[in-house]
């Protein structure tokens, strides 16, 4: 689908056709994340609200895979030769 850029203040804007908006579930005032690929393409993705509980759950899961070891500073002090 080809869209046209229009001037909006000091910026350029693209109007999203209603089919795109309905398919993604976007509404007026929603945010989207824009990503520019190495090939020069622009990808718009509906932004998800930050979910603190989900974030903490993921961090706990990652933490389980990281064993507690001696700190680097403690290791350097132990191996230091004065």
N, C-alpha and C. Protein backbone atom coordinates (compact mmCIF):
# COMPACT_ATOMS: atom_id res chain seq x y z
N UNK A 1 0.85 -1.16 0.00
CA UNK A 1 0.00 0.00 0.00
C UNK A 1 0.90 1.23 0.00
N UNK A 2 0.63 2.16 -0.85
CA UNK A 2 1.44 3.37 -0.97
C UNK A 2 0.74 4.51 -0.24
N UNK A 3 1.49 5.18 0.66
CA UNK A 3 0.96 6.30 1.44
C UNK A 3 1.73 7.55 1.10
N UNK A 4 1.10 8.70 1.27
CA UNK A 4 1.73 9.97 0.94
C UNK A 4 2.12 10.71 2.21
N UNK A 5 3.32 11.30 2.18
CA UNK A 5 3.78 12.12 3.29
C UNK A 5 3.18 13.50 3.18
N UNK A 6 2.85 14.11 4.33
CA UNK A 6 2.30 15.46 4.35
C UNK A 6 3.03 16.26 5.42
N UNK A 7 3.12 17.55 5.21
CA UNK A 7 3.78 18.44 6.18
C UNK A 7 2.87 18.59 7.39
N UNK A 8 3.47 18.48 8.59
CA UNK A 8 2.73 18.67 9.83
C UNK A 8 3.64 19.45 10.75
N UNK A 9 3.48 20.75 10.80
CA UNK A 9 4.40 21.61 11.55
C UNK A 9 5.76 21.56 10.89
N UNK A 10 6.80 21.25 11.67
CA UNK A 10 8.16 21.12 11.12
C UNK A 10 8.49 19.68 10.75
N UNK A 11 7.50 18.81 10.83
CA UNK A 11 7.73 17.39 10.59
C UNK A 11 6.96 16.93 9.36
N UNK A 12 7.14 15.66 9.04
CA UNK A 12 6.34 15.01 8.01
C UNK A 12 5.48 13.95 8.68
N UNK A 13 4.29 13.74 8.15
CA UNK A 13 3.36 12.79 8.75
C UNK A 13 2.81 11.86 7.69
N UNK A 14 2.38 10.69 8.12
CA UNK A 14 1.73 9.71 7.26
C UNK A 14 0.38 9.40 7.88
N UNK A 15 -0.66 9.43 7.08
CA UNK A 15 -1.98 9.03 7.57
C UNK A 15 -2.12 7.52 7.38
N UNK A 16 -2.59 6.86 8.41
CA UNK A 16 -2.79 5.41 8.33
C UNK A 16 -4.21 5.13 7.87
N UNK A 17 -4.38 4.33 6.86
CA UNK A 17 -5.73 3.98 6.41
C UNK A 17 -6.47 3.20 7.49
N UNK A 18 -7.79 3.32 7.48
CA UNK A 18 -8.61 2.69 8.50
C UNK A 18 -8.39 1.18 8.54
N UNK A 19 -8.08 0.55 7.40
CA UNK A 19 -7.84 -0.90 7.39
C UNK A 19 -6.64 -1.26 8.27
N UNK A 20 -5.59 -0.45 8.19
CA UNK A 20 -4.40 -0.70 9.01
C UNK A 20 -4.70 -0.50 10.48
N UNK A 21 -5.44 0.54 10.77
CA UNK A 21 -5.77 0.85 12.17
C UNK A 21 -6.63 -0.24 12.77
N UNK A 22 -7.62 -0.69 12.04
CA UNK A 22 -8.51 -1.75 12.54
C UNK A 22 -7.76 -3.07 12.71
N UNK A 23 -6.91 -3.39 11.75
CA UNK A 23 -6.18 -4.66 11.81
C UNK A 23 -5.24 -4.72 13.01
N UNK A 24 -4.69 -3.58 13.42
CA UNK A 24 -3.75 -3.56 14.54
C UNK A 24 -4.41 -3.23 15.87
N UNK A 25 -5.66 -2.80 15.83
CA UNK A 25 -6.36 -2.46 17.07
C UNK A 25 -5.95 -1.12 17.64
N UNK A 26 -5.36 -0.27 16.82
CA UNK A 26 -4.93 1.05 17.30
C UNK A 26 -6.12 1.98 17.43
N UNK A 27 -5.95 2.96 18.33
CA UNK A 27 -6.97 4.00 18.52
C UNK A 27 -6.27 5.34 18.59
N UNK A 28 -7.04 6.38 18.42
CA UNK A 28 -6.48 7.73 18.50
C UNK A 28 -5.82 7.92 19.86
N UNK A 29 -4.60 8.45 19.85
CA UNK A 29 -3.86 8.68 21.09
C UNK A 29 -2.90 7.56 21.46
N UNK A 30 -3.04 6.39 20.80
CA UNK A 30 -2.12 5.28 21.06
C UNK A 30 -0.73 5.63 20.54
N UNK A 31 0.26 4.94 21.07
CA UNK A 31 1.64 5.14 20.64
C UNK A 31 2.10 3.96 19.80
N UNK A 32 3.02 4.24 18.91
CA UNK A 32 3.65 3.19 18.11
C UNK A 32 5.16 3.35 18.22
N UNK A 33 5.87 2.24 18.10
CA UNK A 33 7.33 2.26 18.08
C UNK A 33 7.77 2.22 16.62
N UNK A 34 8.66 3.14 16.25
CA UNK A 34 9.19 3.18 14.89
C UNK A 34 10.61 2.64 14.90
N UNK A 35 10.91 1.78 13.95
CA UNK A 35 12.25 1.18 13.85
C UNK A 35 12.73 1.32 12.42
N UNK A 36 13.96 1.75 12.27
CA UNK A 36 14.56 1.86 10.95
C UNK A 36 15.53 0.69 10.79
N UNK A 37 15.31 -0.11 9.78
CA UNK A 37 16.16 -1.28 9.56
C UNK A 37 17.43 -0.89 8.82
N UNK A 38 18.38 -1.79 8.77
CA UNK A 38 19.63 -1.53 8.06
C UNK A 38 19.40 -1.37 6.56
N UNK A 39 18.30 -1.91 6.06
CA UNK A 39 17.97 -1.79 4.63
C UNK A 39 17.27 -0.47 4.32
N UNK A 40 16.99 0.33 5.36
CA UNK A 40 16.34 1.62 5.16
C UNK A 40 14.83 1.58 5.23
N UNK A 41 14.27 0.47 5.66
CA UNK A 41 12.81 0.36 5.81
C UNK A 41 12.39 0.92 7.17
N UNK A 42 11.16 1.37 7.24
CA UNK A 42 10.59 1.85 8.49
C UNK A 42 9.50 0.87 8.91
N UNK A 43 9.56 0.40 10.15
CA UNK A 43 8.57 -0.51 10.68
C UNK A 43 7.88 0.16 11.85
N UNK A 44 6.55 0.17 11.82
CA UNK A 44 5.76 0.70 12.92
C UNK A 44 5.12 -0.47 13.65
N UNK A 45 5.26 -0.49 14.97
CA UNK A 45 4.70 -1.54 15.80
C UNK A 45 3.92 -0.90 16.93
N UNK A 46 2.69 -1.37 17.20
CA UNK A 46 1.95 -0.80 18.33
C UNK A 46 2.77 -0.93 19.61
N UNK A 47 2.90 0.17 20.34
CA UNK A 47 3.67 0.17 21.59
C UNK A 47 2.86 -0.51 22.68
N UNK A 48 3.52 -1.32 23.44
CA UNK A 48 2.86 -1.99 24.56
C UNK A 48 3.16 -1.20 25.83
N UNK A 49 2.17 -1.10 26.68
CA UNK A 49 2.37 -0.42 27.96
C UNK A 49 3.35 -1.24 28.81
N UNK A 50 4.13 -0.55 29.62
CA UNK A 50 5.10 -1.23 30.48
C UNK A 50 4.36 -2.01 31.55
N UNK A 51 4.62 -3.31 31.62
CA UNK A 51 3.99 -4.18 32.60
C UNK A 51 5.04 -4.55 33.65
N UNK A 52 4.97 -3.87 34.79
CA UNK A 52 5.98 -4.06 35.84
C UNK A 52 6.01 -5.50 36.34
N UNK A 53 4.84 -6.10 36.54
CA UNK A 53 4.79 -7.47 37.05
C UNK A 53 5.45 -8.44 36.07
N UNK A 54 5.17 -8.29 34.78
CA UNK A 54 5.79 -9.15 33.77
C UNK A 54 7.30 -8.94 33.72
N UNK A 55 7.73 -7.68 33.82
CA UNK A 55 9.15 -7.36 33.83
C UNK A 55 9.85 -8.04 35.00
N UNK A 56 9.28 -7.93 36.20
CA UNK A 56 9.88 -8.56 37.38
C UNK A 56 9.91 -10.08 37.26
N UNK A 57 8.87 -10.64 36.68
CA UNK A 57 8.83 -12.09 36.46
C UNK A 57 9.97 -12.52 35.54
N UNK A 58 10.19 -11.77 34.47
CA UNK A 58 11.28 -12.10 33.54
C UNK A 58 12.64 -11.94 34.21
N UNK A 59 12.81 -10.92 35.05
CA UNK A 59 14.08 -10.71 35.74
C UNK A 59 14.36 -11.84 36.72
N UNK A 60 13.34 -12.30 37.43
CA UNK A 60 13.52 -13.42 38.36
C UNK A 60 13.95 -14.68 37.61
N UNK A 61 13.34 -14.90 36.44
CA UNK A 61 13.69 -16.07 35.64
C UNK A 61 15.13 -15.98 35.15
N UNK A 62 15.54 -14.80 34.69
CA UNK A 62 16.93 -14.61 34.25
C UNK A 62 17.89 -14.79 35.42
N UNK A 63 17.51 -14.29 36.57
CA UNK A 63 18.38 -14.35 37.76
C UNK A 63 18.65 -15.79 38.17
N UNK A 64 17.68 -16.67 37.97
CA UNK A 64 17.85 -18.08 38.34
C UNK A 64 18.98 -18.72 37.55
N UNK A 65 19.21 -18.26 36.35
CA UNK A 65 20.26 -18.82 35.51
C UNK A 65 21.63 -18.21 35.77
N UNK A 66 21.72 -17.27 36.71
CA UNK A 66 22.98 -16.61 37.02
C UNK A 66 23.44 -17.01 38.43
N UNK A 67 24.38 -17.91 38.52
CA UNK A 67 24.82 -18.34 39.85
C UNK A 67 25.56 -17.21 40.58
N UNK A 68 25.39 -17.17 41.87
CA UNK A 68 26.11 -16.19 42.68
C UNK A 68 27.54 -16.66 42.84
N UNK A 69 28.47 -15.85 42.43
CA UNK A 69 29.88 -16.19 42.53
C UNK A 69 30.59 -15.08 43.28
N UNK A 70 31.84 -15.32 43.54
CA UNK A 70 32.66 -14.32 44.21
C UNK A 70 32.78 -13.08 43.32
N UNK A 71 32.74 -11.90 43.94
CA UNK A 71 32.85 -10.69 43.15
C UNK A 71 34.26 -10.56 42.58
N UNK A 72 34.38 -9.85 41.50
CA UNK A 72 35.66 -9.65 40.84
C UNK A 72 36.63 -8.92 41.78
N UNK A 73 36.12 -7.95 42.53
CA UNK A 73 36.97 -7.19 43.44
C UNK A 73 37.51 -8.11 44.53
N UNK A 74 36.65 -8.95 45.09
CA UNK A 74 37.11 -9.89 46.12
C UNK A 74 38.14 -10.85 45.55
N UNK A 75 37.93 -11.31 44.34
CA UNK A 75 38.88 -12.22 43.70
C UNK A 75 40.22 -11.52 43.50
N UNK A 76 40.21 -10.27 43.06
CA UNK A 76 41.47 -9.54 42.85
C UNK A 76 42.19 -9.32 44.18
N UNK A 77 41.45 -9.01 45.24
CA UNK A 77 42.08 -8.83 46.55
C UNK A 77 42.70 -10.12 47.04
N UNK A 78 41.99 -11.24 46.84
CA UNK A 78 42.49 -12.52 47.30
C UNK A 78 43.76 -12.90 46.55
N UNK A 79 43.83 -12.58 45.26
CA UNK A 79 44.97 -12.97 44.46
C UNK A 79 46.07 -11.91 44.44
N UNK A 80 45.88 -10.80 45.10
CA UNK A 80 46.85 -9.71 45.06
C UNK A 80 48.15 -10.12 45.75
N UNK A 81 49.24 -9.68 45.20
CA UNK A 81 50.56 -9.94 45.81
C UNK A 81 51.17 -8.60 46.14
N UNK A 82 51.32 -8.34 47.39
CA UNK A 82 51.84 -7.05 47.84
C UNK A 82 53.32 -7.07 48.05
